[in-house]
Protein backbone atom coordinates (compact mmCIF):
# COMPACT_ATOMS: atom_id res chain seq x y z
CA MET A 1 -19.66 41.62 -1.30
CA THR A 2 -16.80 39.69 0.13
CA THR A 3 -13.61 41.41 0.84
CA ARG A 4 -10.21 39.70 0.45
CA ARG A 5 -7.54 40.46 3.00
CA PRO A 6 -4.12 41.09 1.39
CA ILE A 7 -1.59 38.20 1.73
CA GLY A 8 0.60 38.98 4.54
CA VAL A 9 4.03 38.18 5.69
CA ILE A 10 2.67 35.69 8.32
CA ASP A 11 1.08 33.97 5.36
CA LEU A 12 3.99 33.75 3.41
CA LEU A 13 5.95 32.61 6.18
CA VAL A 14 3.57 29.65 7.07
CA ALA A 15 3.43 28.58 3.50
CA LEU A 16 7.22 28.68 3.11
CA LEU A 17 7.48 26.67 6.41
CA LEU A 18 4.94 24.15 5.33
CA ALA A 19 6.84 23.80 1.85
CA LEU A 20 10.11 23.29 3.76
CA VAL A 21 8.45 20.34 6.03
CA ALA A 22 7.06 18.79 2.87
CA LEU A 23 10.47 18.89 0.99
CA ALA A 24 12.35 17.63 4.19
CA ALA A 25 9.90 14.81 4.42
CA LEU A 26 10.19 13.83 0.75
CA PHE A 27 14.13 13.83 0.85
CA LEU A 28 14.61 12.25 4.22
CA SER A 29 11.85 9.25 4.15
CA PRO A 30 14.03 7.23 1.60
CA VAL A 31 17.21 7.85 3.88
CA CYS A 32 15.27 6.89 7.00
CA GLY A 33 14.03 4.06 5.53
CA ARG A 34 17.46 2.60 4.96
CA LEU A 35 18.94 3.06 8.27
CA ASP A 36 19.44 -0.24 9.70
CA PRO A 37 20.57 -0.69 13.26
CA CYS A 38 22.08 -4.22 12.49
CA GLY A 39 25.60 -5.07 11.46
CA ASN A 40 27.33 -8.10 9.77
CA GLU A 41 30.62 -9.73 10.82
CA LEU A 42 32.26 -12.06 8.35
CA VAL A 43 32.84 -15.61 9.76
CA SER A 44 33.77 -17.74 6.77
CA GLU A 45 33.27 -18.13 3.18
CA ALA A 46 33.62 -21.12 0.79
CA LEU A 47 33.86 -20.85 -3.16
CA SER A 48 31.85 -23.02 -5.40
CA PRO A 49 34.06 -25.60 -7.45
CA SER A 50 33.79 -23.19 -10.40
CA GLY A 51 34.57 -19.95 -8.45
CA ARG A 52 31.61 -18.09 -9.55
CA LEU A 53 29.70 -18.24 -6.39
CA ARG A 54 30.34 -18.21 -2.60
CA ALA A 55 28.69 -19.21 0.57
CA VAL A 56 29.26 -16.69 3.33
CA VAL A 57 28.71 -17.30 6.97
CA PHE A 58 28.63 -14.29 8.99
CA LEU A 59 27.20 -13.05 12.45
CA ARG A 60 24.44 -10.66 12.72
CA ASP A 61 24.00 -8.21 15.42
CA CYS A 62 20.95 -6.03 15.72
CA GLY A 63 21.51 -4.22 18.96
CA ALA A 64 21.31 -5.03 22.77
CA THR A 65 17.75 -6.30 22.88
CA THR A 66 18.37 -9.11 20.51
CA ALA A 67 20.67 -12.11 20.26
CA TYR A 68 23.52 -12.52 17.75
CA GLY A 69 22.47 -14.73 14.94
CA VAL A 70 24.52 -16.81 12.55
CA GLU A 71 23.34 -16.42 8.94
CA LEU A 72 24.44 -17.80 5.57
CA SER A 73 23.89 -16.02 2.17
CA ILE A 74 24.55 -17.27 -1.10
CA LEU A 75 26.36 -14.71 -3.29
CA ARG A 76 28.04 -14.10 -6.68
CA ALA A 77 32.01 -14.36 -6.18
CA GLU A 78 32.59 -10.75 -6.80
CA ALA A 79 29.66 -9.45 -4.61
CA GLY A 80 30.21 -7.82 -1.20
CA LEU A 81 28.28 -8.94 1.88
CA PRO A 82 25.05 -6.68 2.10
CA ASN A 83 24.02 -5.30 5.44
CA ARG A 84 20.69 -7.59 5.75
CA ALA A 85 19.92 -10.94 7.03
CA GLY A 86 21.15 -14.19 5.27
CA ASN A 87 19.35 -15.14 2.01
CA ALA A 88 19.69 -19.04 2.73
CA PHE A 89 19.99 -19.43 6.56
CA SER A 90 19.31 -17.67 9.63
CA ALA A 91 19.47 -18.99 13.39
CA ASP A 92 20.42 -17.60 17.02
CA ALA A 93 21.06 -19.30 20.02
CA GLY A 94 18.26 -18.13 22.02
CA HIS A 95 20.30 -16.39 24.76
CA THR A 96 22.09 -19.69 25.49
CA ASP A 97 25.93 -20.76 24.97
CA VAL A 98 24.99 -22.71 21.89
CA PRO A 99 27.97 -22.23 19.34
CA LEU A 100 26.89 -20.00 16.44
CA LYS A 101 28.78 -22.12 13.87
CA LEU A 102 27.97 -23.48 10.47
CA ASP A 103 30.03 -25.91 8.50
CA VAL A 104 29.33 -25.12 4.76
CA ARG A 105 30.37 -27.48 1.96
CA TRP A 106 29.90 -27.21 -1.74
CA ASP A 107 28.68 -30.49 -3.37
CA THR A 108 28.53 -29.03 -6.86
CA ASP A 109 28.08 -25.78 -8.41
CA GLU A 110 24.56 -25.84 -7.92
CA ALA A 111 24.24 -27.71 -4.52
CA VAL A 112 25.54 -26.99 -0.95
CA THR A 113 25.38 -28.84 2.11
CA VAL A 114 25.14 -26.78 5.55
CA ARG A 115 25.72 -28.56 9.12
CA TYR A 116 24.44 -26.71 12.04
CA ASP A 117 23.93 -27.38 15.88
CA PRO A 118 20.23 -28.74 16.31
CA ARG A 119 19.92 -26.52 19.42
CA LEU A 120 20.03 -23.43 17.39
CA ARG A 121 16.75 -21.55 16.91
CA VAL A 122 16.23 -21.66 13.08
CA PHE A 123 14.13 -18.69 11.60
CA THR A 124 15.18 -19.17 7.90
CA ASN A 125 16.32 -22.26 6.03
CA GLU A 126 15.60 -21.80 2.43
CA ALA A 127 15.79 -24.82 0.02
CA ARG A 128 16.84 -23.09 -2.83
CA VAL A 129 18.61 -19.69 -3.44
CA GLY A 130 18.56 -18.78 -7.13
CA ARG A 131 19.81 -22.00 -8.87
CA VAL A 132 21.66 -23.40 -5.86
CA GLN A 133 19.98 -26.23 -3.96
CA VAL A 134 20.50 -25.91 -0.17
CA ARG A 135 20.61 -29.17 2.08
CA TYR A 136 20.37 -28.85 5.78
CA VAL A 137 22.09 -31.63 8.25
CA GLN A 138 21.66 -31.12 11.98
CA ASP A 139 25.14 -32.03 13.21
CA GLU A 140 24.27 -34.65 15.97
CA GLY A 141 28.03 -34.57 17.09
CA ALA A 142 27.59 -30.99 18.29
CA PRO A 143 28.29 -30.86 22.22
C-alpha cells in the first residue's frame, strides 16, 4: 500500500515559482527578440518621379565592435524608416576613411541608379526591390 503525502506549502510555492518563470519566459521572449542594438541615421532621400516611392540613404551603427555602414532602402513615400538594415544596399568602409556616400537617382518610377565608391565593402546589392530595378555603378571618380 502506497501512502501519499499531503501537498505542503513548499510544494505549492515551488509550483507557483515554476509557473511564474514559465509566464515570464512566454511574455519576455518576443520582446527580447526585438531588441536591436543598431540605430539608423537618415542621410538623404529621393522621391520617385510619381512621388509614390522614395530611396532612403542612411548610416547604420550597431555598436562599438562594428563599423558604421551606409545603407539604402526603397520604401513607400509615406513609410517611416524601419530600424533594420537596408533592403537594397549595404556597405561599410572596413575601418578605413573611405566616405560613406551614395548618390541615388531615379531613372523612372521602376528604376533607380546608385553610385558608390568602389573601395566600399559591399555586403548587399539587390538587383530588385519589389517592382523597382536597382542598377549599381562604381564611381570611378571617387578620391
